[in-house]
C-alpha atoms as a PDB file:
ATOM      1  CA  UNK A   1     101.420  78.196  -6.038  1.00  0.00           C
ATOM      2  CA  UNK A   2      98.310  78.175  -3.828  1.00  0.00           C
ATOM      3  CA  UNK A   3      99.150  74.692  -2.569  1.00  0.00           C
ATOM      4  CA  UNK A   4     102.734  75.758  -1.822  1.00  0.00           C
ATOM      5  CA  UNK A   5     101.518  78.710   0.220  1.00  0.00           C
ATOM      6  CA  UNK A   6      99.185  76.469   2.223  1.00  0.00           C
ATOM      7  CA  UNK A   7     101.903  73.907   2.880  1.00  0.00           C
ATOM      8  CA  UNK A   8     104.197  76.712   4.051  1.00  0.00           C
ATOM      9  CA  UNK A   9     101.456  77.886   6.414  1.00  0.00           C
ATOM     10  CA  UNK A  10     101.091  74.399   7.875  1.00  0.00           C
ATOM     11  CA  UNK A  11     104.867  74.202   8.391  1.00  0.00           C
ATOM     12  CA  UNK A  12     104.822  77.481  10.294  1.00  0.00           C
ATOM     13  CA  UNK A  13     102.107  76.165  12.589  1.00  0.00           C
ATOM     14  CA  UNK A  14     104.257  73.214  13.579  1.00  0.00           C
ATOM     15  CA  UNK A  15     107.563  75.031  14.119  1.00  0.00           C
ATOM     16  CA  UNK A  16     106.592  78.420  15.538  1.00  0.00           C
ATOM     17  CA  UNK A  17     105.879  78.826  19.267  1.00  0.00           C
ATOM     18  CA  UNK A  18     102.529  80.175  20.375  1.00  0.00           C
ATOM     19  CA  UNK A  19     104.010  83.032  22.419  1.00  0.00           C
ATOM     20  CA  UNK A  20     101.794  85.898  21.265  1.00  0.00           C
ATOM     21  CA  UNK A  21     100.218  87.066  24.521  1.00  0.00           C
ATOM     22  CA  UNK A  22     102.042  90.416  24.414  1.00  0.00           C
ATOM     23  CA  UNK A  23     100.316  91.460  21.199  1.00  0.00           C
ATOM     24  CA  UNK A  24      98.910  95.000  21.276  1.00  0.00           C
ATOM     25  CA  UNK A  25      95.170  95.577  21.048  1.00  0.00           C
ATOM     26  CA  UNK A  26      94.042  95.141  17.429  1.00  0.00           C
ATOM     27  CA  UNK A  27      92.644  98.018  15.387  1.00  0.00           C
ATOM     28  CA  UNK A  28      89.097  98.151  13.972  1.00  0.00           C
ATOM     29  CA  UNK A  29      90.161  96.301  10.818  1.00  0.00           C
ATOM     30  CA  UNK A  30      91.814  93.569  12.893  1.00  0.00           C
ATOM     31  CA  UNK A  31      90.290  90.837  15.010  1.00  0.00           C
ATOM     32  CA  UNK A  32      91.987  88.824  17.722  1.00  0.00           C
ATOM     33  CA  UNK A  33      91.172  85.302  18.818  1.00  0.00           C
ATOM     34  CA  UNK A  34      92.733  82.632  20.994  1.00  0.00           C
ATOM     35  CA  UNK A  35      92.054  79.104  22.089  1.00  0.00           C
ATOM     36  CA  UNK A  36      91.987  75.582  20.712  1.00  0.00           C
ATOM     37  CA  UNK A  37      94.949  74.190  18.807  1.00  0.00           C
ATOM     38  CA  UNK A  38      92.688  71.373  17.502  1.00  0.00           C
ATOM     39  CA  UNK A  39      91.337  73.542  14.600  1.00  0.00           C
ATOM     40  CA  UNK A  40      94.222  76.024  14.434  1.00  0.00           C
ATOM     41  CA  UNK A  41      95.652  74.939  11.053  1.00  0.00           C
ATOM     42  CA  UNK A  42      92.178  75.262   9.498  1.00  0.00           C
ATOM     43  CA  UNK A  43      91.615  78.658  11.102  1.00  0.00           C
ATOM     44  CA  UNK A  44      94.999  80.037  10.077  1.00  0.00           C
ATOM     45  CA  UNK A  45      94.400  78.970   6.483  1.00  0.00           C
ATOM     46  CA  UNK A  46      90.971  80.639   6.376  1.00  0.00           C
ATOM     47  CA  UNK A  47      92.119  83.776   8.201  1.00  0.00           C
ATOM     48  CA  UNK A  48      94.867  84.201   5.630  1.00  0.00           C
ATOM     49  CA  UNK A  49      92.345  83.808   2.800  1.00  0.00           C
ATOM     50  CA  UNK A  50      89.894  86.185   4.475  1.00  0.00           C
ATOM     51  CA  UNK A  51      92.474  88.911   4.928  1.00  0.00           C
ATOM     52  CA  UNK A  52      93.331  88.769   1.226  1.00  0.00           C
ATOM     53  CA  UNK A  53      89.703  88.815   0.098  1.00  0.00           C
ATOM     54  CA  UNK A  54      88.119  91.105   2.707  1.00  0.00           C
ATOM     55  CA  UNK A  55      90.973  93.227   4.075  1.00  0.00           C
ATOM     56  CA  UNK A  56      90.364  92.203   7.693  1.00  0.00           C
ATOM     57  CA  UNK A  57      93.388  90.861   9.572  1.00  0.00           C
ATOM     58  CA  UNK A  58      92.757  88.080  12.081  1.00  0.00           C
ATOM     59  CA  UNK A  59      95.357  87.067  14.661  1.00  0.00           C
ATOM     60  CA  UNK A  60      94.870  83.767  16.446  1.00  0.00           C
ATOM     61  CA  UNK A  61      96.846  82.445  19.403  1.00  0.00           C
ATOM     62  CA  UNK A  62      96.780  78.673  19.936  1.00  0.00           C
ATOM     63  CA  UNK A  63      96.781  78.462  23.733  1.00  0.00           C
ATOM     64  CA  UNK A  64      94.219  75.714  24.333  1.00  0.00           C
ATOM     65  CA  UNK A  65      90.457  75.881  24.760  1.00  0.00           C
ATOM     66  CA  UNK A  66      90.506  76.697  28.468  1.00  0.00           C
ATOM     67  CA  UNK A  67      92.862  79.648  28.164  1.00  0.00           C
ATOM     68  CA  UNK A  68      91.012  80.906  25.101  1.00  0.00           C
ATOM     69  CA  UNK A  69      87.748  81.017  27.032  1.00  0.00           C
ATOM     70  CA  UNK A  70      89.473  82.795  29.917  1.00  0.00           C
ATOM     71  CA  UNK A  71      90.780  85.439  27.516  1.00  0.00           C
ATOM     72  CA  UNK A  72      87.288  85.877  26.083  1.00  0.00           C
ATOM     73  CA  UNK A  73      85.874  86.266  29.585  1.00  0.00           C
ATOM     74  CA  UNK A  74      88.366  89.033  30.354  1.00  0.00           C
ATOM     75  CA  UNK A  75      87.576  90.712  27.009  1.00  0.00           C
ATOM     76  CA  UNK A  76      91.185  90.277  25.853  1.00  0.00           C
ATOM     77  CA  UNK A  77      90.113  88.674  22.565  1.00  0.00           C
ATOM     78  CA  UNK A  78      87.162  89.036  20.208  1.00  0.00           C
ATOM     79  CA  UNK A  79      86.493  85.311  20.083  1.00  0.00           C
ATOM     80  CA  UNK A  80      87.666  82.030  21.570  1.00  0.00           C
ATOM     81  CA  UNK A  81      88.307  78.741  19.818  1.00  0.00           C
ATOM     82  CA  UNK A  82      87.048  75.820  21.879  1.00  0.00           C
ATOM     83  CA  UNK A  83      86.412  72.114  21.414  1.00  0.00           C
ATOM     84  CA  UNK A  84      84.008  72.127  24.354  1.00  0.00           C
ATOM     85  CA  UNK A  85      80.855  74.215  24.133  1.00  0.00           C
ATOM     86  CA  UNK A  86      80.885  77.240  26.431  1.00  0.00           C
ATOM     87  CA  UNK A  87      77.249  76.612  27.375  1.00  0.00           C
ATOM     88  CA  UNK A  88      77.119  78.498  30.668  1.00  0.00           C
ATOM     89  CA  UNK A  89      79.575  81.224  29.713  1.00  0.00           C
ATOM     90  CA  UNK A  90      83.330  80.864  29.719  1.00  0.00           C
ATOM     91  CA  UNK A  91      84.045  81.665  33.355  1.00  0.00           C
ATOM     92  CA  UNK A  92      82.849  83.434  36.461  1.00  0.00           C
ATOM     93  CA  UNK A  93      84.687  86.578  35.359  1.00  0.00           C
ATOM     94  CA  UNK A  94      82.585  86.863  32.191  1.00  0.00           C
ATOM     95  CA  UNK A  95      79.065  88.196  31.829  1.00  0.00           C
ATOM     96  CA  UNK A  96      76.487  88.113  29.094  1.00  0.00           C
ATOM     97  CA  UNK A  97      75.287  85.352  26.816  1.00  0.00           C
ATOM     98  CA  UNK A  98      77.957  83.409  24.955  1.00  0.00           C
ATOM     99  CA  UNK A  99      77.202  81.861  21.558  1.00  0.00           C
ATOM    100  CA  UNK A 100      78.916  78.728  20.268  1.00  0.00           C
ATOM    101  CA  UNK A 101      79.359  78.726  16.485  1.00  0.00           C
ATOM    102  CA  UNK A 102      80.353  75.336  15.005  1.00  0.00           C
ATOM    103  CA  UNK A 103      83.212  75.622  12.521  1.00  0.00           C
ATOM    104  CA  UNK A 104      84.361  72.134  11.426  1.00  0.00           C
ATOM    105  CA  UNK A 105      84.658  68.507  12.496  1.00  0.00           C
ATOM    106  CA  UNK A 106      87.949  66.836  13.352  1.00  0.00           C
ATOM    107  CA  UNK A 107      89.418  63.578  14.601  1.00  0.00           C
ATOM    108  CA  UNK A 108      91.590  62.869  17.620  1.00  0.00           C
ATOM    109  CA  UNK A 109      94.214  60.390  16.424  1.00  0.00           C
ATOM    110  CA  UNK A 110      95.959  57.995  18.806  1.00  0.00           C
ATOM    111  CA  UNK A 111      99.613  58.417  17.831  1.00  0.00           C
ATOM    112  CA  UNK A 112     102.511  56.258  18.944  1.00  0.00           C
ATOM    113  CA  UNK A 113     106.250  55.853  18.503  1.00  0.00           C
ATOM    114  CA  UNK A 114     106.968  52.129  18.304  1.00  0.00           C
ATOM    115  CA  UNK A 115     110.104  50.779  16.595  1.00  0.00           C
ATOM    116  CA  UNK A 116     109.261  49.552  13.107  1.00  0.00           C
ATOM    117  CA  UNK A 117     106.144  51.773  12.932  1.00  0.00           C
ATOM    118  CA  UNK A 118     103.650  48.880  12.940  1.00  0.00           C
ATOM    119  CA  UNK A 119     100.074  49.624  11.881  1.00  0.00           C
ATOM    120  CA  UNK A 120      98.218  48.856  15.096  1.00  0.00           C
ATOM    121  CA  UNK A 121      94.589  48.371  16.040  1.00  0.00           C
ATOM    122  CA  UNK A 122      93.200  49.315  19.444  1.00  0.00           C
ATOM    123  CA  UNK A 123      90.054  48.324  21.284  1.00  0.00           C
ATOM    124  CA  UNK A 124      88.419  50.878  23.628  1.00  0.00           C
ATOM    125  CA  UNK A 125      89.339  48.947  26.787  1.00  0.00           C
ATOM    126  CA  UNK A 126      92.989  48.731  25.747  1.00  0.00           C
ATOM    127  CA  UNK A 127      93.191  52.477  25.044  1.00  0.00           C
ATOM    128  CA  UNK A 128      91.641  53.213  28.442  1.00  0.00           C
ATOM    129  CA  UNK A 129      93.967  50.866  30.316  1.00  0.00           C
ATOM    130  CA  UNK A 130      97.056  52.237  28.563  1.00  0.00           C
ATOM    131  CA  UNK A 131      96.186  55.774  29.655  1.00  0.00           C
ATOM    132  CA  UNK A 132      95.176  54.515  33.120  1.00  0.00           C
ATOM    133  CA  UNK A 133      98.674  53.078  33.444  1.00  0.00           C
ATOM    134  CA  UNK A 134      97.429  49.485  33.720  1.00  0.00           C
ATOM    135  CA  UNK A 135      98.972  48.278  30.447  1.00  0.00           C
ATOM    136  CA  UNK A 136     102.638  49.125  30.776  1.00  0.00           C
ATOM    137  CA  UNK A 137     104.472  47.406  27.897  1.00  0.00           C
ATOM    138  CA  UNK A 138     103.894  47.187  24.160  1.00  0.00           C
ATOM    139  CA  UNK A 139     104.209  43.399  24.283  1.00  0.00           C
ATOM    140  CA  UNK A 140     101.153  43.112  26.546  1.00  0.00           C
ATOM    141  CA  UNK A 141      98.904  40.220  25.416  1.00  0.00           C
ATOM    142  CA  UNK A 142      95.853  42.504  25.237  1.00  0.00           C
ATOM    143  CA  UNK A 143      97.541  44.729  22.642  1.00  0.00           C
ATOM    144  CA  UNK A 144      98.841  41.665  20.807  1.00  0.00           C
ATOM    145  CA  UNK A 145      95.353  40.115  20.645  1.00  0.00           C
ATOM    146  CA  UNK A 146      94.188  42.708  18.110  1.00  0.00           C
ATOM    147  CA  UNK A 147      97.544  42.820  16.303  1.00  0.00           C
ATOM    148  CA  UNK A 148      98.556  39.214  15.652  1.00  0.00           C
ATOM    149  CA  UNK A 149     100.402  40.083  12.443  1.00  0.00           C
ATOM    150  CA  UNK A 150     102.625  42.665  14.182  1.00  0.00           C
ATOM    151  CA  UNK A 151     105.806  41.914  16.116  1.00  0.00           C
ATOM    152  CA  UNK A 152     105.430  44.074  19.210  1.00  0.00           C
ATOM    153  CA  UNK A 153     108.607  45.019  21.099  1.00  0.00           C
ATOM    154  CA  UNK A 154     108.917  44.340  24.806  1.00  0.00           C
ATOM    155  CA  UNK A 155     109.506  47.986  25.726  1.00  0.00           C
ATOM    156  CA  UNK A 156     107.758  50.277  28.230  1.00  0.00           C
ATOM    157  CA  UNK A 157     104.815  52.425  27.168  1.00  0.00           C
ATOM    158  CA  UNK A 158     105.303  56.143  27.837  1.00  0.00           C
ATOM    159  CA  UNK A 159     101.984  58.012  27.968  1.00  0.00           C
ATOM    160  CA  UNK A 160     101.942  61.639  26.764  1.00  0.00           C
ATOM    161  CA  UNK A 161      98.971  63.883  27.556  1.00  0.00           C
ATOM    162  CA  UNK A 162      97.974  67.546  27.427  1.00  0.00           C
ATOM    163  CA  UNK A 163      99.052  69.531  30.452  1.00  0.00           C
ATOM    164  CA  UNK A 164      97.058  72.648  29.495  1.00  0.00           C
ATOM    165  CA  UNK A 165      93.264  73.023  29.598  1.00  0.00           C
ATOM    166  CA  UNK A 166      92.473  71.355  26.310  1.00  0.00           C
ATOM    167  CA  UNK A 167      89.428  70.747  24.150  1.00  0.00           C
ATOM    168  CA  UNK A 168      91.296  67.891  22.491  1.00  0.00           C
ATOM    169  CA  UNK A 169      91.558  66.323  25.947  1.00  0.00           C
ATOM    170  CA  UNK A 170      87.835  66.908  26.441  1.00  0.00           C
ATOM    171  CA  UNK A 171      86.969  65.010  23.240  1.00  0.00           C
ATOM    172  CA  UNK A 172      89.424  62.209  24.045  1.00  0.00           C
ATOM    173  CA  UNK A 173      88.254  61.829  27.650  1.00  0.00           C
ATOM    174  CA  UNK A 174      84.598  62.034  26.577  1.00  0.00           C
ATOM    175  CA  UNK A 175      85.256  58.960  24.439  1.00  0.00           C
ATOM    176  CA  UNK A 176      87.067  57.127  27.250  1.00  0.00           C
ATOM    177  CA  UNK A 177      84.339  57.957  29.774  1.00  0.00           C
ATOM    178  CA  UNK A 178      81.739  56.442  27.439  1.00  0.00           C
ATOM    179  CA  UNK A 179      83.692  53.257  26.716  1.00  0.00           C
ATOM    180  CA  UNK A 180      85.386  52.501  30.054  1.00  0.00           C
ATOM    181  CA  UNK A 181      83.506  52.318  33.333  1.00  0.00           C
ATOM    182  CA  UNK A 182      86.717  52.569  35.327  1.00  0.00           C
ATOM    183  CA  UNK A 183      87.829  55.645  33.404  1.00  0.00           C
ATOM    184  CA  UNK A 184      84.439  57.253  33.938  1.00  0.00           C
ATOM    185  CA  UNK A 185      84.519  56.534  37.673  1.00  0.00           C
ATOM    186  CA  UNK A 186      88.173  57.403  38.331  1.00  0.00           C
ATOM    187  CA  UNK A 187      89.035  60.132  35.832  1.00  0.00           C
ATOM    188  CA  UNK A 188      85.895  61.317  34.053  1.00  0.00           C
ATOM    189  CA  UNK A 189      85.900  63.831  31.224  1.00  0.00           C
ATOM    190  CA  UNK A 190      87.092  67.403  31.068  1.00  0.00           C
ATOM    191  CA  UNK A 191      89.577  69.845  29.611  1.00  0.00           C
ATOM    192  CA  UNK A 192      91.998  69.306  32.511  1.00  0.00           C
ATOM    193  CA  UNK A 193      92.388  65.911  34.151  1.00  0.00           C
ATOM    194  CA  UNK A 194      94.343  64.289  36.950  1.00  0.00           C
ATOM    195  CA  UNK A 195      96.255  61.839  34.793  1.00  0.00           C
ATOM    196  CA  UNK A 196      97.266  58.584  36.514  1.00  0.00           C
ATOM    197  CA  UNK A 197     100.309  57.993  34.298  1.00  0.00           C
ATOM    198  CA  UNK A 198     102.658  59.694  31.874  1.00  0.00           C
ATOM    199  CA  UNK A 199     103.994  63.177  31.221  1.00  0.00           C
ATOM    200  CA  UNK A 200     102.362  66.301  29.867  1.00  0.00           C
ATOM    201  CA  UNK A 201     102.963  68.679  26.972  1.00  0.00           C
ATOM    202  CA  UNK A 202     101.284  71.891  25.869  1.00  0.00           C
ATOM    203  CA  UNK A 203      99.100  72.034  22.793  1.00  0.00           C
ATOM    204  CA  UNK A 204      98.694  69.549  19.985  1.00  0.00           C
ATOM    205  CA  UNK A 205     102.152  70.525  18.651  1.00  0.00           C
ATOM    206  CA  UNK A 206     103.691  69.812  22.060  1.00  0.00           C
ATOM    207  CA  UNK A 207     102.178  66.334  22.321  1.00  0.00           C
ATOM    208  CA  UNK A 208     103.158  65.519  18.733  1.00  0.00           C
ATOM    209  CA  UNK A 209     106.709  66.700  19.392  1.00  0.00           C
ATOM    210  CA  UNK A 210     107.115  64.716  22.615  1.00  0.00           C
ATOM    211  CA  UNK A 211     105.712  61.498  21.146  1.00  0.00           C
ATOM    212  CA  UNK A 212     108.084  61.921  18.214  1.00  0.00           C
ATOM    213  CA  UNK A 213     111.052  62.185  20.593  1.00  0.00           C
ATOM    214  CA  UNK A 214     110.314  59.300  22.974  1.00  0.00           C
ATOM    215  CA  UNK A 215     110.534  55.680  21.742  1.00  0.00           C
ATOM    216  CA  UNK A 216     107.639  53.639  23.099  1.00  0.00           C
ATOM    217  CA  UNK A 217     105.417  56.665  23.648  1.00  0.00           C
ATOM    218  CA  UNK A 218     101.716  57.095  22.908  1.00  0.00           C
ATOM    219  CA  UNK A 219      99.549  60.208  22.872  1.00  0.00           C
ATOM    220  CA  UNK A 220      96.569  61.884  21.229  1.00  0.00           C
ATOM    221  CA  UNK A 221      96.479  64.771  18.749  1.00  0.00           C
ATOM    222  CA  UNK A 222      94.177  66.195  16.103  1.00  0.00           C
ATOM    223  CA  UNK A 223      94.614  64.344  12.818  1.00  0.00           C
ATOM    224  CA  UNK A 224      96.305  67.190  10.914  1.00  0.00           C
ATOM    225  CA  UNK A 225      99.129  67.239  13.491  1.00  0.00           C
ATOM    226  CA  UNK A 226      99.623  63.485  13.124  1.00  0.00           C
ATOM    227  CA  UNK A 227      99.780  63.689   9.338  1.00  0.00           C
ATOM    228  CA  UNK A 228     101.805  66.907   9.292  1.00  0.00           C
ATOM    229  CA  UNK A 229     104.436  65.369  11.565  1.00  0.00           C
ATOM    230  CA  UNK A 230     104.440  62.040   9.659  1.00  0.00           C
ATOM    231  CA  UNK A 231     103.391  60.159  12.778  1.00  0.00           C
ATOM    232  CA  UNK A 232     102.017  56.634  13.013  1.00  0.00           C
ATOM    233  CA  UNK A 233      98.462  56.392  14.336  1.00  0.00           C
ATOM    234  CA  UNK A 234      96.114  53.503  14.997  1.00  0.00           C
ATOM    235  CA  UNK A 235      92.745  52.175  13.913  1.00  0.00           C
ATOM    236  CA  UNK A 236      90.148  52.137  16.697  1.00  0.00           C
ATOM    237  CA  UNK A 237      87.312  49.669  17.121  1.00  0.00           C
ATOM    238  CA  UNK A 238      84.015  51.519  17.056  1.00  0.00           C
ATOM    239  CA  UNK A 239      80.701  50.538  18.587  1.00  0.00           C
ATOM    240  CA  UNK A 240      79.804  48.509  15.492  1.00  0.00           C
ATOM    241  CA  UNK A 241      82.901  46.364  15.990  1.00  0.00           C
ATOM    242  CA  UNK A 242      84.805  47.784  13.038  1.00  0.00           C
ATOM    243  CA  UNK A 243      88.388  49.000  13.249  1.00  0.00           C
ATOM    244  CA  UNK A 244      88.339  52.452  11.657  1.00  0.00           C
ATOM    245  CA  UNK A 245      91.171  54.823  10.799  1.00  0.00           C
ATOM    246  CA  UNK A 246      90.709  58.593  11.225  1.00  0.00           C
ATOM    247  CA  UNK A 247      90.015  60.064   7.779  1.00  0.00           C
ATOM    248  CA  UNK A 248      87.841  62.818   6.366  1.00  0.00           C
ATOM    249  CA  UNK A 249      85.414  60.111   5.244  1.00  0.00           C
ATOM    250  CA  UNK A 250      85.152  58.386   8.640  1.00  0.00           C
ATOM    251  CA  UNK A 251      84.843  61.701  10.496  1.00  0.00           C
ATOM    252  CA  UNK A 252      82.129  62.846   8.077  1.00  0.00           C
ATOM    253  CA  UNK A 253      80.312  59.585   8.775  1.00  0.00           C
ATOM    254  CA  UNK A 254      80.523  60.146  12.535  1.00  0.00           C
ATOM    255  CA  UNK A 255      78.978  63.599  12.084  1.00  0.00           C
ATOM    256  CA  UNK A 256      76.064  62.291  10.003  1.00  0.00           C
ATOM    257  CA  UNK A 257      73.644  62.292  12.922  1.00  0.00           C
ATOM    258  CA  UNK A 258      70.782  64.496  14.025  1.00  0.00           C
ATOM    259  CA  UNK A 259      72.757  67.004  16.059  1.00  0.00           C
ATOM    260  CA  UNK A 260      69.543  68.639  17.253  1.00  0.00           C
ATOM    261  CA  UNK A 261      68.813  65.478  19.282  1.00  0.00           C
ATOM    262  CA  UNK A 262      72.129  65.727  21.154  1.00  0.00           C
ATOM    263  CA  UNK A 263      72.266  67.985  24.193  1.00  0.00           C
ATOM    264  CA  UNK A 264      76.052  68.385  24.030  1.00  0.00           C
ATOM    265  CA  UNK A 265      76.664  67.739  20.310  1.00  0.00           C
ATOM    266  CA  UNK A 266      79.011  64.891  21.172  1.00  0.00           C
ATOM    267  CA  UNK A 267      80.187  62.709  18.277  1.00  0.00           C
ATOM    268  CA  UNK A 268      82.351  60.286  20.269  1.00  0.00           C
ATOM    269  CA  UNK A 269      81.644  56.541  20.453  1.00  0.00           C
ATOM    270  CA  UNK A 270      79.512  56.853  17.346  1.00  0.00           C
ATOM    271  CA  UNK A 271      76.957  54.202  16.397  1.00  0.00           C
ATOM    272  CA  UNK A 272      77.506  54.933  12.692  1.00  0.00           C
ATOM    273  CA  UNK A 273      79.121  51.753  11.271  1.00  0.00           C
ATOM    274  CA  UNK A 274      81.825  53.553   9.268  1.00  0.00           C
ATOM    275  CA  UNK A 275      82.320  56.379  11.764  1.00  0.00           C
ATOM    276  CA  UNK A 276      85.578  57.120  13.550  1.00  0.00           C
ATOM    277  CA  UNK A 277      84.844  56.954  17.302  1.00  0.00           C
ATOM    278  CA  UNK A 278      86.915  59.926  18.503  1.00  0.00           C
ATOM    279  CA  UNK A 279      85.468  62.635  16.278  1.00  0.00           C
ATOM    280  CA  UNK A 280      84.359  66.030  17.498  1.00  0.00           C
ATOM    281  CA  UNK A 281      82.927  69.361  16.506  1.00  0.00           C
ATOM    282  CA  UNK A 282      84.903  72.462  17.311  1.00  0.00           C
ATOM    283  CA  UNK A 283      83.496  75.916  17.974  1.00  0.00           C
ATOM    284  CA  UNK A 284      84.142  79.632  18.067  1.00  0.00           C
ATOM    285  CA  UNK A 285      82.648  81.351  21.105  1.00  0.00           C
ATOM    286  CA  UNK A 286      81.675  85.027  21.168  1.00  0.00           C
ATOM    287  CA  UNK A 287      79.394  87.305  23.132  1.00  0.00           C
ATOM    288  CA  UNK A 288      75.907  87.771  21.717  1.00  0.00           C
ATOM    289  CA  UNK A 289      75.872  91.455  22.674  1.00  0.00           C
ATOM    290  CA  UNK A 290      78.914  93.064  21.077  1.00  0.00           C
ATOM    291  CA  UNK A 291      78.571  96.564  22.505  1.00  0.00           C
ATOM    292  CA  UNK A 292      81.176  96.330  25.266  1.00  0.00           C
ATOM    293  CA  UNK A 293      84.625  97.728  25.958  1.00  0.00           C
ATOM    294  CA  UNK A 294      84.230 100.502  23.395  1.00  0.00           C
ATOM    295  CA  UNK A 295      83.650  98.063  20.541  1.00  0.00           C
ATOM    296  CA  UNK A 296      82.244  99.657  17.405  1.00  0.00           C
ATOM    297  CA  UNK A 297      79.452  98.266  15.287  1.00  0.00           C
ATOM    298  CA  UNK A 298      81.952  97.917  12.426  1.00  0.00           C
ATOM    299  CA  UNK A 299      84.079  95.630  14.570  1.00  0.00           C
ATOM    300  CA  UNK A 300      81.067  93.503  15.461  1.00  0.00           C
ATOM    301  CA  UNK A 301      80.107  93.252  11.786  1.00  0.00           C
ATOM    302  CA  UNK A 302      83.656  92.224  10.858  1.00  0.00           C
ATOM    303  CA  UNK A 303      83.541  89.427  13.421  1.00  0.00           C
ATOM    304  CA  UNK A 304      80.163  88.029  12.417  1.00  0.00           C
ATOM    305  CA  UNK A 305      80.945  88.210   8.701  1.00  0.00           C
ATOM    306  CA  UNK A 306      84.195  86.346   9.359  1.00  0.00           C
ATOM    307  CA  UNK A 307      82.311  83.586  11.153  1.00  0.00           C
ATOM    308  CA  UNK A 308      79.769  83.348   8.340  1.00  0.00           C
ATOM    309  CA  UNK A 309      82.670  82.993   5.897  1.00  0.00           C
ATOM    310  CA  UNK A 310      84.051  80.089   7.944  1.00  0.00           C
ATOM    311  CA  UNK A 311      80.663  78.373   8.225  1.00  0.00           C
ATOM    312  CA  UNK A 312      79.912  78.633   4.502  1.00  0.00           C
ATOM    313  CA  UNK A 313      82.689  79.455   2.020  1.00  0.00           C
ATOM    314  CA  UNK A 314      85.379  78.039   4.293  1.00  0.00           C
ATOM    315  CA  UNK A 315      83.914  74.538   4.480  1.00  0.00           C
ATOM    316  CA  UNK A 316      85.109  73.489   1.030  1.00  0.00           C
ATOM    317  CA  UNK A 317      88.700  73.944   2.229  1.00  0.00           C
ATOM    318  CA  UNK A 318      88.363  71.747   5.344  1.00  0.00           C
ATOM    319  CA  UNK A 319      89.288  68.405   3.690  1.00  0.00           C
ATOM    320  CA  UNK A 320      92.583  69.866   2.447  1.00  0.00           C
ATOM    321  CA  UNK A 321      93.766  69.847   6.070  1.00  0.00           C
ATOM    322  CA  UNK A 322      91.995  66.570   6.939  1.00  0.00           C
ATOM    323  CA  UNK A 323      89.004  68.145   8.688  1.00  0.00           C
ATOM    324  CA  UNK A 324      85.436  67.265   7.733  1.00  0.00           C
ATOM    325  CA  UNK A 325      83.010  70.000   6.641  1.00  0.00           C
ATOM    326  CA  UNK A 326      80.111  70.864   8.899  1.00  0.00           C
ATOM    327  CA  UNK A 327      76.931  68.877   8.284  1.00  0.00           C
ATOM    328  CA  UNK A 328      74.004  70.861   6.889  1.00  0.00           C
ATOM    329  CA  UNK A 329      72.111  70.994  10.183  1.00  0.00           C
ATOM    330  CA  UNK A 330      75.161  72.447  11.954  1.00  0.00           C
ATOM    331  CA  UNK A 331      75.493  75.193   9.319  1.00  0.00           C
ATOM    332  CA  UNK A 332      71.803  75.982   9.698  1.00  0.00           C
ATOM    333  CA  UNK A 333      72.217  76.230  13.461  1.00  0.00           C
ATOM    334  CA  UNK A 334      75.219  78.526  13.020  1.00  0.00           C
ATOM    335  CA  UNK A 335      73.240  80.855  10.736  1.00  0.00           C
ATOM    336  CA  UNK A 336      70.452  81.093  13.284  1.00  0.00           C
ATOM    337  CA  UNK A 337      72.888  81.939  16.081  1.00  0.00           C
ATOM    338  CA  UNK A 338      74.759  84.548  14.036  1.00  0.00           C
ATOM    339  CA  UNK A 339      71.432  86.211  13.315  1.00  0.00           C
ATOM    340  CA  UNK A 340      70.992  86.846  17.056  1.00  0.00           C
ATOM    341  CA  UNK A 341      74.249  88.800  17.516  1.00  0.00           C
ATOM    342  CA  UNK A 342      73.533  92.404  18.456  1.00  0.00           C
ATOM    343  CA  UNK A 343      75.304  95.692  19.004  1.00  0.00           C
ATOM    344  CA  UNK A 344      73.433  97.948  21.370  1.00  0.00           C
ATOM    345  CA  UNK A 345      70.423  95.667  21.035  1.00  0.00           C
ATOM    346  CA  UNK A 346      70.267  95.978  17.243  1.00  0.00           C
ATOM    347  CA  UNK A 347      70.957  92.918  15.030  1.00  0.00           C
ATOM    348  CA  UNK A 348      74.436  93.041  13.514  1.00  0.00           C
ATOM    349  CA  UNK A 349      74.140  90.708  10.562  1.00  0.00           C
ATOM    350  CA  UNK A 350      71.755  88.447   8.729  1.00  0.00           C
ATOM    351  CA  UNK A 351      73.334  85.900   6.410  1.00  0.00           C
ATOM    352  CA  UNK A 352      70.620  86.016   3.735  1.00  0.00           C
ATOM    353  CA  UNK A 353      70.527  89.803   3.631  1.00  0.00           C
ATOM    354  CA  UNK A 354      74.315  90.082   3.392  1.00  0.00           C
ATOM    355  CA  UNK A 355      74.859  87.426   0.744  1.00  0.00           C
ATOM    356  CA  UNK A 356      71.561  87.034  -1.065  1.00  0.00           C
ATOM    357  CA  UNK A 357      71.602  83.274  -0.369  1.00  0.00           C
END
């Protein structure tokens, strides 16, 4: 029965629109978040569990990382989901220190709709040139070079990208900027890009839906959306020269680094031999000082306890939806950050004191 409920939840995520912006302000026993669609299936599963076990309702709107951070900056939501760290604060309209709490690790899968559904392999330069609009047909010799056992059709390639400010785009473009000099010089990395080719869609569900509708198309989505929509996705050559599929195992491998040595916690273009090269951490952003806009201490405690639940108890559920659990050093960092959250200058929550662990 538990599995059936979770599968039903996943189905709802793929077929329901994300039009929730008119929601009324939540009560003290309710929390409201918005942002990244990259981790949304994982969040919705945990929020449902948390409501049943703790009596706190959590509503989450999948609007993309950029919009989520804007809503946090305007104090419309309690927290924002983002695949790009909000290091300097979410926007000029916000004030106060913003904390970034890591929640899980995911993979950006390169999905495509090619007749016959061939299992394809891609090199970094080929991926970059497809999305730059340089490689225009599936029969191109550069694609064929890594796929000699596949009969590639001579049909146009239709690129699909995210039109909204997207953390998934940030992870994908971070990878391309590291592996393609031309991409780095012409396009760069970011949540919103000036795409040289293709058409846009909103959210991971939008990209998955458009790729599924257009023969010859290619796009990028978080792995759970690829699997949930029964899409075909490719193996990518990593820095070690291995062609690696996105899996929980390969994403876990990519995250097995000393995150403390990375200034931006980037996992893309991993040097780990078995690591998937477009892996990324995702985060929940909140204000360190929670005494604003009439917020009560109880509300602040509800929020921080929810985040601690995600960072600890929630991790064992991540592989069910094809996410990788946080590495130990990321959980330790999250605990330290949650211990700095205050309400009126007084600490809100300490993980050890609250749980005895």
